[in-house]
């Protein structure tokens, strides 16, 4: 669990780098998933933010090809899987500066 100053620093860097407050935190949460599979609601809960706060950044990661929706059976949650991409390493590098 990150301290409040660390979270605020991540959000400041995210705003500078991406123009969005939560994108860097979102990327790090996706990176921290063991199998690279996540749902929007799981990510929102892990970041302690609303789903609507991270919906657009998640959709942009899908559009960039960094995440891919995976079809699952009868479920109310859409699952995503992390694709290999150099952008993930850049997210780690940005976070390491904090």
PDB file of N, CA and C in Angstrom:
ATOM      1  N   UNK A   1       0.838  -1.177   0.000  1.00  0.00           N
ATOM      2  CA  UNK A   1       0.000   0.000   0.000  1.00  0.00           C
ATOM      3  C   UNK A   1       0.887   1.245   0.000  1.00  0.00           C
ATOM      4  N   UNK A   2       0.601   2.151  -0.903  1.00  0.00           N
ATOM      5  CA  UNK A   2       1.392   3.371  -1.009  1.00  0.00           C
ATOM      6  C   UNK A   2       0.894   4.410  -0.016  1.00  0.00           C
ATOM      7  N   UNK A   3       1.807   5.215   0.475  1.00  0.00           N
ATOM      8  CA  UNK A   3       1.434   6.305   1.373  1.00  0.00           C
ATOM      9  C   UNK A   3       0.735   7.404   0.569  1.00  0.00           C
ATOM     10  N   UNK A   4       0.023   8.256   1.267  1.00  0.00           N
ATOM     11  CA  UNK A   4      -0.688   9.348   0.593  1.00  0.00           C
ATOM     12  C   UNK A   4       0.275  10.262  -0.181  1.00  0.00           C
ATOM     13  N   UNK A   5       1.439  10.611   0.389  1.00  0.00           N
ATOM     14  CA  UNK A   5       2.381  11.427  -0.402  1.00  0.00           C
ATOM     15  C   UNK A   5       2.855  10.716  -1.676  1.00  0.00           C
ATOM     16  N   UNK A   6       3.059   9.390  -1.610  1.00  0.00           N
ATOM     17  CA  UNK A   6       3.473   8.639  -2.799  1.00  0.00           C
ATOM     18  C   UNK A   6       2.370   8.643  -3.857  1.00  0.00           C
ATOM     19  N   UNK A   7       1.136   8.452  -3.413  1.00  0.00           N
ATOM     20  CA  UNK A   7       0.003   8.470  -4.335  1.00  0.00           C
ATOM     21  C   UNK A   7      -0.130   9.834  -4.993  1.00  0.00           C
ATOM     22  N   UNK A   8      -0.012  10.880  -4.203  1.00  0.00           N
ATOM     23  CA  UNK A   8      -0.103  12.238  -4.756  1.00  0.00           C
ATOM     24  C   UNK A   8       1.026  12.507  -5.746  1.00  0.00           C
ATOM     25  N   UNK A   9       2.218  12.023  -5.449  1.00  0.00           N
ATOM     26  CA  UNK A   9       3.351  12.193  -6.365  1.00  0.00           C
ATOM     27  C   UNK A   9       3.117  11.428  -7.667  1.00  0.00           C
ATOM     28  N   UNK A  10       2.621  10.188  -7.574  1.00  0.00           N
ATOM     29  CA  UNK A  10       2.299   9.408  -8.773  1.00  0.00           C
ATOM     30  C   UNK A  10       1.280  10.138  -9.632  1.00  0.00           C
ATOM     31  N   UNK A  11       0.264  10.686  -8.991  1.00  0.00           N
ATOM     32  CA  UNK A  11      -0.793  11.377  -9.722  1.00  0.00           C
ATOM     33  C   UNK A  11      -0.273  12.653 -10.378  1.00  0.00           C
ATOM     34  N   UNK A  12       0.643  13.333  -9.726  1.00  0.00           N
ATOM     35  CA  UNK A  12       1.231  14.543 -10.316  1.00  0.00           C
ATOM     36  C   UNK A  12       2.065  14.194 -11.549  1.00  0.00           C
ATOM     37  N   UNK A  13       2.877  13.142 -11.441  1.00  0.00           N
ATOM     38  CA  UNK A  13       3.684  12.697 -12.577  1.00  0.00           C
ATOM     39  C   UNK A  13       2.774  12.223 -13.709  1.00  0.00           C
ATOM     40  N   UNK A  14       1.718  11.513 -13.366  1.00  0.00           N
ATOM     41  CA  UNK A  14       0.776  11.033 -14.363  1.00  0.00           C
ATOM     42  C   UNK A  14       0.133  12.191 -15.116  1.00  0.00           C
ATOM     43  N   UNK A  15      -0.257  13.206 -14.388  1.00  0.00           N
ATOM     44  CA  UNK A  15      -0.871  14.383 -15.014  1.00  0.00           C
ATOM     45  C   UNK A  15       0.106  15.050 -15.977  1.00  0.00           C
ATOM     46  N   UNK A  16       1.363  15.150 -15.589  1.00  0.00           N
ATOM     47  CA  UNK A  16       2.380  15.746 -16.461  1.00  0.00           C
ATOM     48  C   UNK A  16       2.655  14.890 -17.700  1.00  0.00           C
ATOM     49  N   UNK A  17       2.820  13.595 -17.488  1.00  0.00           N
ATOM     50  CA  UNK A  17       3.213  12.705 -18.582  1.00  0.00           C
ATOM     51  C   UNK A  17       2.067  12.377 -19.528  1.00  0.00           C
ATOM     52  N   UNK A  18       0.871  12.191 -18.969  1.00  0.00           N
ATOM     53  CA  UNK A  18      -0.247  11.686 -19.769  1.00  0.00           C
ATOM     54  C   UNK A  18      -1.421  12.655 -19.883  1.00  0.00           C
ATOM     55  N   UNK A  19      -1.418  13.701 -19.061  1.00  0.00           N
ATOM     56  CA  UNK A  19      -2.560  14.598 -19.062  1.00  0.00           C
ATOM     57  C   UNK A  19      -3.756  14.025 -18.326  1.00  0.00           C
ATOM     58  N   UNK A  20      -3.538  12.953 -17.586  1.00  0.00           N
ATOM     59  CA  UNK A  20      -4.601  12.307 -16.820  1.00  0.00           C
ATOM     60  C   UNK A  20      -4.059  11.887 -15.462  1.00  0.00           C
ATOM     61  N   UNK A  21      -4.801  12.177 -14.430  1.00  0.00           N
ATOM     62  CA  UNK A  21      -4.343  11.966 -13.061  1.00  0.00           C
ATOM     63  C   UNK A  21      -4.103  10.503 -12.696  1.00  0.00           C
ATOM     64  N   UNK A  22      -4.926   9.591 -13.189  1.00  0.00           N
ATOM     65  CA  UNK A  22      -4.864   8.203 -12.718  1.00  0.00           C
ATOM     66  C   UNK A  22      -4.184   7.221 -13.669  1.00  0.00           C
ATOM     67  N   UNK A  23      -3.796   7.667 -14.844  1.00  0.00           N
ATOM     68  CA  UNK A  23      -3.282   6.720 -15.848  1.00  0.00           C
ATOM     69  C   UNK A  23      -2.037   5.957 -15.371  1.00  0.00           C
ATOM     70  N   UNK A  24      -1.097   6.622 -14.763  1.00  0.00           N
ATOM     71  CA  UNK A  24       0.122   5.945 -14.314  1.00  0.00           C
ATOM     72  C   UNK A  24      -0.198   4.927 -13.227  1.00  0.00           C
ATOM     73  N   UNK A  25      -1.018   5.297 -12.265  1.00  0.00           N
ATOM     74  CA  UNK A  25      -1.427   4.349 -11.220  1.00  0.00           C
ATOM     75  C   UNK A  25      -2.134   3.147 -11.826  1.00  0.00           C
ATOM     76  N   UNK A  26      -2.989   3.408 -12.795  1.00  0.00           N
ATOM     77  CA  UNK A  26      -3.710   2.329 -13.471  1.00  0.00           C
ATOM     78  C   UNK A  26      -2.729   1.379 -14.152  1.00  0.00           C
ATOM     79  N   UNK A  27      -1.768   1.940 -14.861  1.00  0.00           N
ATOM     80  CA  UNK A  27      -0.782   1.103 -15.546  1.00  0.00           C
ATOM     81  C   UNK A  27       0.014   0.267 -14.549  1.00  0.00           C
ATOM     82  N   UNK A  28       0.388   0.857 -13.437  1.00  0.00           N
ATOM     83  CA  UNK A  28       1.150   0.111 -12.424  1.00  0.00           C
ATOM     84  C   UNK A  28       0.307  -0.998 -11.806  1.00  0.00           C
ATOM     85  N   UNK A  29      -0.977  -0.735 -11.583  1.00  0.00           N
ATOM     86  CA  UNK A  29      -1.867  -1.765 -11.033  1.00  0.00           C
ATOM     87  C   UNK A  29      -2.007  -2.926 -12.007  1.00  0.00           C
ATOM     88  N   UNK A  30      -2.094  -2.623 -13.293  1.00  0.00           N
ATOM     89  CA  UNK A  30      -2.170  -3.682 -14.307  1.00  0.00           C
ATOM     90  C   UNK A  30      -0.864  -4.465 -14.325  1.00  0.00           C
ATOM     91  N   UNK A  31       0.253  -3.780 -14.236  1.00  0.00           N
ATOM     92  CA  UNK A  31       1.551  -4.457 -14.197  1.00  0.00           C
ATOM     93  C   UNK A  31       1.691  -5.364 -12.985  1.00  0.00           C
ATOM     94  N   UNK A  32       1.108  -4.958 -11.875  1.00  0.00           N
ATOM     95  CA  UNK A  32       1.226  -5.733 -10.641  1.00  0.00           C
ATOM     96  C   UNK A  32       0.334  -6.964 -10.605  1.00  0.00           C
ATOM     97  N   UNK A  33      -0.599  -7.085 -11.548  1.00  0.00           N
ATOM     98  CA  UNK A  33      -1.437  -8.289 -11.563  1.00  0.00           C
ATOM     99  C   UNK A  33      -0.572  -9.484 -11.972  1.00  0.00           C
ATOM    100  N   UNK A  34      -0.710 -10.573 -11.248  1.00  0.00           N
ATOM    101  CA  UNK A  34       0.157 -11.742 -11.452  1.00  0.00           C
ATOM    102  C   UNK A  34       0.070 -12.311 -12.862  1.00  0.00           C
ATOM    103  N   UNK A  35      -1.154 -12.421 -13.367  1.00  0.00           N
ATOM    104  CA  UNK A  35      -1.340 -13.057 -14.665  1.00  0.00           C
ATOM    105  C   UNK A  35      -1.623 -12.070 -15.790  1.00  0.00           C
ATOM    106  N   UNK A  36      -1.638 -10.775 -15.466  1.00  0.00           N
ATOM    107  CA  UNK A  36      -1.895  -9.765 -16.479  1.00  0.00           C
ATOM    108  C   UNK A  36      -3.357  -9.627 -16.842  1.00  0.00           C
ATOM    109  N   UNK A  37      -4.231 -10.309 -16.103  1.00  0.00           N
ATOM    110  CA  UNK A  37      -5.667 -10.243 -16.363  1.00  0.00           C
ATOM    111  C   UNK A  37      -6.321  -9.384 -15.291  1.00  0.00           C
ATOM    112  N   UNK A  38      -7.218  -8.496 -15.717  1.00  0.00           N
ATOM    113  CA  UNK A  38      -7.860  -7.595 -14.774  1.00  0.00           C
ATOM    114  C   UNK A  38      -9.245  -7.207 -15.269  1.00  0.00           C
ATOM    115  N   UNK A  39     -10.018  -6.614 -14.381  1.00  0.00           N
ATOM    116  CA  UNK A  39     -11.299  -6.016 -14.750  1.00  0.00           C
ATOM    117  C   UNK A  39     -11.280  -4.560 -14.297  1.00  0.00           C
ATOM    118  N   UNK A  40     -12.125  -3.777 -14.886  1.00  0.00           N
ATOM    119  CA  UNK A  40     -12.202  -2.369 -14.524  1.00  0.00           C
ATOM    120  C   UNK A  40     -12.571  -2.195 -13.061  1.00  0.00           C
ATOM    121  N   UNK A  41     -13.516  -2.975 -12.588  1.00  0.00           N
ATOM    122  CA  UNK A  41     -13.947  -2.831 -11.190  1.00  0.00           C
ATOM    123  C   UNK A  41     -12.854  -3.265 -10.214  1.00  0.00           C
ATOM    124  N   UNK A  42     -12.107  -4.305 -10.541  1.00  0.00           N
ATOM    125  CA  UNK A  42     -10.987  -4.724  -9.679  1.00  0.00           C
ATOM    126  C   UNK A  42      -9.927  -3.623  -9.603  1.00  0.00           C
ATOM    127  N   UNK A  43      -9.631  -3.033 -10.740  1.00  0.00           N
ATOM    128  CA  UNK A  43      -8.625  -1.976 -10.775  1.00  0.00           C
ATOM    129  C   UNK A  43      -9.077  -0.757  -9.981  1.00  0.00           C
ATOM    130  N   UNK A  44     -10.344  -0.380 -10.141  1.00  0.00           N
ATOM    131  CA  UNK A  44     -10.870   0.773  -9.397  1.00  0.00           C
ATOM    132  C   UNK A  44     -10.793   0.508  -7.895  1.00  0.00           C
ATOM    133  N   UNK A  45     -11.150  -0.704  -7.480  1.00  0.00           N
ATOM    134  CA  UNK A  45     -11.091  -1.044  -6.055  1.00  0.00           C
ATOM    135  C   UNK A  45      -9.657  -1.017  -5.543  1.00  0.00           C
ATOM    136  N   UNK A  46      -8.719  -1.537  -6.327  1.00  0.00           N
ATOM    137  CA  UNK A  46      -7.327  -1.573  -5.869  1.00  0.00           C
ATOM    138  C   UNK A  46      -6.732  -0.172  -5.757  1.00  0.00           C
ATOM    139  N   UNK A  47      -7.221   0.762  -6.575  1.00  0.00           N
ATOM    140  CA  UNK A  47      -6.724   2.135  -6.536  1.00  0.00           C
ATOM    141  C   UNK A  47      -7.553   3.025  -5.621  1.00  0.00           C
ATOM    142  N   UNK A  48      -8.662   2.492  -5.126  1.00  0.00           N
ATOM    143  CA  UNK A  48      -9.585   3.245  -4.269  1.00  0.00           C
ATOM    144  C   UNK A  48     -10.101   4.497  -4.981  1.00  0.00           C
ATOM    145  N   UNK A  49     -10.511   4.305  -6.244  1.00  0.00           N
ATOM    146  CA  UNK A  49     -11.108   5.377  -7.044  1.00  0.00           C
ATOM    147  C   UNK A  49     -12.376   4.831  -7.693  1.00  0.00           C
ATOM    148  N   UNK A  50     -13.186   5.712  -8.242  1.00  0.00           N
ATOM    149  CA  UNK A  50     -14.404   5.269  -8.912  1.00  0.00           C
ATOM    150  C   UNK A  50     -14.069   4.658 -10.271  1.00  0.00           C
ATOM    151  N   UNK A  51     -14.938   3.782 -10.725  1.00  0.00           N
ATOM    152  CA  UNK A  51     -14.769   3.168 -12.041  1.00  0.00           C
ATOM    153  C   UNK A  51     -14.698   4.252 -13.119  1.00  0.00           C
ATOM    154  N   UNK A  52     -15.539   5.259 -12.989  1.00  0.00           N
ATOM    155  CA  UNK A  52     -15.571   6.314 -14.007  1.00  0.00           C
ATOM    156  C   UNK A  52     -14.255   7.091 -14.079  1.00  0.00           C
ATOM    157  N   UNK A  53     -13.488   7.112 -12.997  1.00  0.00           N
ATOM    158  CA  UNK A  53     -12.208   7.830 -12.977  1.00  0.00           C
ATOM    159  C   UNK A  53     -11.142   7.176 -13.850  1.00  0.00           C
ATOM    160  N   UNK A  54     -11.272   5.872 -14.034  1.00  0.00           N
ATOM    161  CA  UNK A  54     -10.224   5.165 -14.791  1.00  0.00           C
ATOM    162  C   UNK A  54     -10.744   4.527 -16.075  1.00  0.00           C
ATOM    163  N   UNK A  55     -12.014   4.714 -16.360  1.00  0.00           N
ATOM    164  CA  UNK A  55     -12.592   4.097 -17.551  1.00  0.00           C
ATOM    165  C   UNK A  55     -11.943   4.599 -18.843  1.00  0.00           C
ATOM    166  N   UNK A  56     -11.800   5.897 -18.994  1.00  0.00           N
ATOM    167  CA  UNK A  56     -11.178   6.437 -20.210  1.00  0.00           C
ATOM    168  C   UNK A  56      -9.707   6.059 -20.349  1.00  0.00           C
ATOM    169  N   UNK A  57      -8.911   6.140 -19.272  1.00  0.00           N
ATOM    170  CA  UNK A  57      -7.519   5.696 -19.418  1.00  0.00           C
ATOM    171  C   UNK A  57      -7.411   4.213 -19.778  1.00  0.00           C
ATOM    172  N   UNK A  58      -8.297   3.388 -19.234  1.00  0.00           N
ATOM    173  CA  UNK A  58      -8.267   1.968 -19.568  1.00  0.00           C
ATOM    174  C   UNK A  58      -8.629   1.771 -21.035  1.00  0.00           C
ATOM    175  N   UNK A  59      -9.647   2.474 -21.493  1.00  0.00           N
ATOM    176  CA  UNK A  59     -10.040   2.358 -22.899  1.00  0.00           C
ATOM    177  C   UNK A  59      -8.918   2.807 -23.831  1.00  0.00           C
ATOM    178  N   UNK A  60      -8.165   3.821 -23.428  1.00  0.00           N
ATOM    179  CA  UNK A  60      -7.056   4.265 -24.288  1.00  0.00           C
ATOM    180  C   UNK A  60      -5.946   3.216 -24.338  1.00  0.00           C
ATOM    181  N   UNK A  61      -5.735   2.491 -23.241  1.00  0.00           N
ATOM    182  CA  UNK A  61      -4.741   1.406 -23.251  1.00  0.00           C
ATOM    183  C   UNK A  61      -5.180   0.292 -24.193  1.00  0.00           C
ATOM    184  N   UNK A  62      -6.483   0.052 -24.271  1.00  0.00           N
ATOM    185  CA  UNK A  62      -7.011  -0.929 -25.225  1.00  0.00           C
ATOM    186  C   UNK A  62      -6.781  -0.429 -26.649  1.00  0.00           C
ATOM    187  N   UNK A  63      -7.102   0.840 -26.905  1.00  0.00           N
ATOM    188  CA  UNK A  63      -6.920   1.404 -28.244  1.00  0.00           C
ATOM    189  C   UNK A  63      -5.467   1.383 -28.685  1.00  0.00           C
ATOM    190  N   UNK A  64      -4.555   1.547 -27.730  1.00  0.00           N
ATOM    191  CA  UNK A  64      -3.130   1.501 -28.041  1.00  0.00           C
ATOM    192  C   UNK A  64      -2.606   0.076 -28.232  1.00  0.00           C
ATOM    193  N   UNK A  65      -3.414  -0.912 -27.888  1.00  0.00           N
ATOM    194  CA  UNK A  65      -3.002  -2.306 -28.015  1.00  0.00           C
ATOM    195  C   UNK A  65      -2.222  -2.820 -26.819  1.00  0.00           C
ATOM    196  N   UNK A  66      -2.164  -2.045 -25.749  1.00  0.00           N
ATOM    197  CA  UNK A  66      -1.451  -2.473 -24.554  1.00  0.00           C
ATOM    198  C   UNK A  66      -2.291  -3.440 -23.716  1.00  0.00           C
ATOM    199  N   UNK A  67      -3.593  -3.339 -23.849  1.00  0.00           N
ATOM    200  CA  UNK A  67      -4.546  -4.250 -23.203  1.00  0.00           C
ATOM    201  C   UNK A  67      -5.465  -4.789 -24.279  1.00  0.00           C
ATOM    202  N   UNK A  68      -5.966  -6.000 -24.045  1.00  0.00           N
ATOM    203  CA  UNK A  68      -6.895  -6.582 -24.990  1.00  0.00           C
ATOM    204  C   UNK A  68      -8.074  -7.169 -24.216  1.00  0.00           C
ATOM    205  N   UNK A  69      -9.301  -6.845 -24.630  1.00  0.00           N
ATOM    206  CA  UNK A  69     -10.444  -7.493 -23.987  1.00  0.00           C
ATOM    207  C   UNK A  69     -10.417  -8.984 -24.304  1.00  0.00           C
ATOM    208  N   UNK A  70     -10.710  -9.792 -23.315  1.00  0.00           N
ATOM    209  CA  UNK A  70     -10.767 -11.227 -23.566  1.00  0.00           C
ATOM    210  C   UNK A  70     -12.204 -11.698 -23.371  1.00  0.00           C
ATOM    211  N   UNK A  71     -12.665 -12.485 -24.305  1.00  0.00           N
ATOM    212  CA  UNK A  71     -14.035 -12.984 -24.175  1.00  0.00           C
ATOM    213  C   UNK A  71     -14.105 -14.023 -23.061  1.00  0.00           C
ATOM    214  N   UNK A  72     -15.054 -13.832 -22.201  1.00  0.00           N
ATOM    215  CA  UNK A  72     -15.309 -14.816 -21.150  1.00  0.00           C
ATOM    216  C   UNK A  72     -16.772 -15.183 -21.226  1.00  0.00           C
ATOM    217  N   UNK A  73     -17.115 -16.292 -20.642  1.00  0.00           N
ATOM    218  CA  UNK A  73     -18.484 -16.784 -20.694  1.00  0.00           C
ATOM    219  C   UNK A  73     -19.498 -15.801 -20.167  1.00  0.00           C
ATOM    220  N   UNK A  74     -20.402 -16.291 -19.438  1.00  0.00           N
ATOM    221  CA  UNK A  74     -21.518 -15.506 -18.917  1.00  0.00           C
ATOM    222  C   UNK A  74     -21.066 -14.760 -17.663  1.00  0.00           C
ATOM    223  N   UNK A  75     -20.611 -13.527 -17.834  1.00  0.00           N
ATOM    224  CA  UNK A  75     -20.151 -12.731 -16.712  1.00  0.00           C
ATOM    225  C   UNK A  75     -20.554 -11.280 -16.926  1.00  0.00           C
ATOM    226  N   UNK A  76     -20.696 -10.550 -15.855  1.00  0.00           N
ATOM    227  CA  UNK A  76     -21.070  -9.145 -16.000  1.00  0.00           C
ATOM    228  C   UNK A  76     -19.854  -8.226 -16.057  1.00  0.00           C
ATOM    229  N   UNK A  77     -18.674  -8.787 -15.884  1.00  0.00           N
ATOM    230  CA  UNK A  77     -17.449  -7.989 -15.923  1.00  0.00           C
ATOM    231  C   UNK A  77     -16.649  -8.320 -17.169  1.00  0.00           C
ATOM    232  N   UNK A  78     -16.174  -7.291 -17.845  1.00  0.00           N
ATOM    233  CA  UNK A  78     -15.289  -7.497 -18.989  1.00  0.00           C
ATOM    234  C   UNK A  78     -13.874  -7.665 -18.463  1.00  0.00           C
ATOM    235  N   UNK A  79     -13.203  -8.691 -18.929  1.00  0.00           N
ATOM    236  CA  UNK A  79     -11.831  -8.963 -18.533  1.00  0.00           C
ATOM    237  C   UNK A  79     -10.883  -8.475 -19.623  1.00  0.00           C
ATOM    238  N   UNK A  80      -9.716  -8.031 -19.181  1.00  0.00           N
ATOM    239  CA  UNK A  80      -8.675  -7.554 -20.083  1.00  0.00           C
ATOM    240  C   UNK A  80      -7.386  -8.288 -19.760  1.00  0.00           C
ATOM    241  N   UNK A  81      -6.573  -8.464 -20.788  1.00  0.00           N
ATOM    242  CA  UNK A  81      -5.258  -9.070 -20.581  1.00  0.00           C
ATOM    243  C   UNK A  81      -4.196  -8.105 -21.099  1.00  0.00           C
ATOM    244  N   UNK A  82      -3.124  -8.032 -20.345  1.00  0.00           N
ATOM    245  CA  UNK A  82      -2.005  -7.150 -20.678  1.00  0.00           C
ATOM    246  C   UNK A  82      -1.206  -7.748 -21.828  1.00  0.00           C
ATOM    247  N   UNK A  83      -0.941  -6.951 -22.834  1.00  0.00           N
ATOM    248  CA  UNK A  83      -0.085  -7.358 -23.953  1.00  0.00           C
ATOM    249  C   UNK A  83       1.334  -6.857 -23.696  1.00  0.00           C
ATOM    250  N   UNK A  84       2.309  -7.538 -24.270  1.00  0.00           N
ATOM    251  CA  UNK A  84       3.687  -7.058 -24.179  1.00  0.00           C
ATOM    252  C   UNK A  84       3.790  -5.738 -24.928  1.00  0.00           C
ATOM    253  N   UNK A  85       4.380  -4.746 -24.281  1.00  0.00           N
ATOM    254  CA  UNK A  85       4.516  -3.431 -24.893  1.00  0.00           C
ATOM    255  C   UNK A  85       5.583  -2.650 -24.141  1.00  0.00           C
ATOM    256  N   UNK A  86       6.358  -1.881 -24.839  1.00  0.00           N
ATOM    257  CA  UNK A  86       7.411  -1.069 -24.229  1.00  0.00           C
ATOM    258  C   UNK A  86       6.827  -0.003 -23.304  1.00  0.00           C
ATOM    259  N   UNK A  87       5.582   0.359 -23.505  1.00  0.00           N
ATOM    260  CA  UNK A  87       4.934   1.365 -22.667  1.00  0.00           C
ATOM    261  C   UNK A  87       4.876   0.977 -21.200  1.00  0.00           C
ATOM    262  N   UNK A  88       4.777  -0.318 -20.924  1.00  0.00           N
ATOM    263  CA  UNK A  88       4.743  -0.778 -19.529  1.00  0.00           C
ATOM    264  C   UNK A  88       6.069  -0.487 -18.838  1.00  0.00           C
ATOM    265  N   UNK A  89       7.172  -0.682 -19.537  1.00  0.00           N
ATOM    266  CA  UNK A  89       8.490  -0.388 -18.959  1.00  0.00           C
ATOM    267  C   UNK A  89       8.635   1.108 -18.697  1.00  0.00           C
ATOM    268  N   UNK A  90       8.070   1.916 -19.580  1.00  0.00           N
ATOM    269  CA  UNK A  90       8.132   3.355 -19.387  1.00  0.00           C
ATOM    270  C   UNK A  90       7.336   3.766 -18.154  1.00  0.00           C
ATOM    271  N   UNK A  91       6.204   3.119 -17.928  1.00  0.00           N
ATOM    272  CA  UNK A  91       5.407   3.403 -16.726  1.00  0.00           C
ATOM    273  C   UNK A  91       6.224   3.092 -15.474  1.00  0.00           C
ATOM    274  N   UNK A  92       6.911   1.960 -15.463  1.00  0.00           N
ATOM    275  CA  UNK A  92       7.765   1.608 -14.318  1.00  0.00           C
ATOM    276  C   UNK A  92       8.874   2.636 -14.135  1.00  0.00           C
ATOM    277  N   UNK A  93       9.457   3.061 -15.238  1.00  0.00           N
ATOM    278  CA  UNK A  93      10.538   4.047 -15.163  1.00  0.00           C
ATOM    279  C   UNK A  93      10.018   5.371 -14.588  1.00  0.00           C
ATOM    280  N   UNK A  94       8.874   5.819 -15.031  1.00  0.00           N
ATOM    281  CA  UNK A  94       8.289   7.044 -14.489  1.00  0.00           C
ATOM    282  C   UNK A  94       8.051   6.912 -12.988  1.00  0.00           C
ATOM    283  N   UNK A  95       7.497   5.786 -12.571  1.00  0.00           N
ATOM    284  CA  UNK A  95       7.197   5.567 -11.162  1.00  0.00           C
ATOM    285  C   UNK A  95       8.461   5.486 -10.312  1.00  0.00           C
ATOM    286  N   UNK A  96       9.534   4.992 -10.895  1.00  0.00           N
ATOM    287  CA  UNK A  96      10.780   4.847 -10.129  1.00  0.00           C
ATOM    288  C   UNK A  96      11.396   6.201  -9.770  1.00  0.00           C
ATOM    289  N   UNK A  97      10.976   7.253 -10.429  1.00  0.00           N
ATOM    290  CA  UNK A  97      11.503   8.593 -10.152  1.00  0.00           C
ATOM    291  C   UNK A  97      10.901   9.203  -8.892  1.00  0.00           C
ATOM    292  N   UNK A  98       9.876   8.569  -8.389  1.00  0.00           N
ATOM    293  CA  UNK A  98       9.167   9.123  -7.229  1.00  0.00           C
ATOM    294  C   UNK A  98       9.773   8.590  -5.937  1.00  0.00           C
TER     295      UNK A  98
END
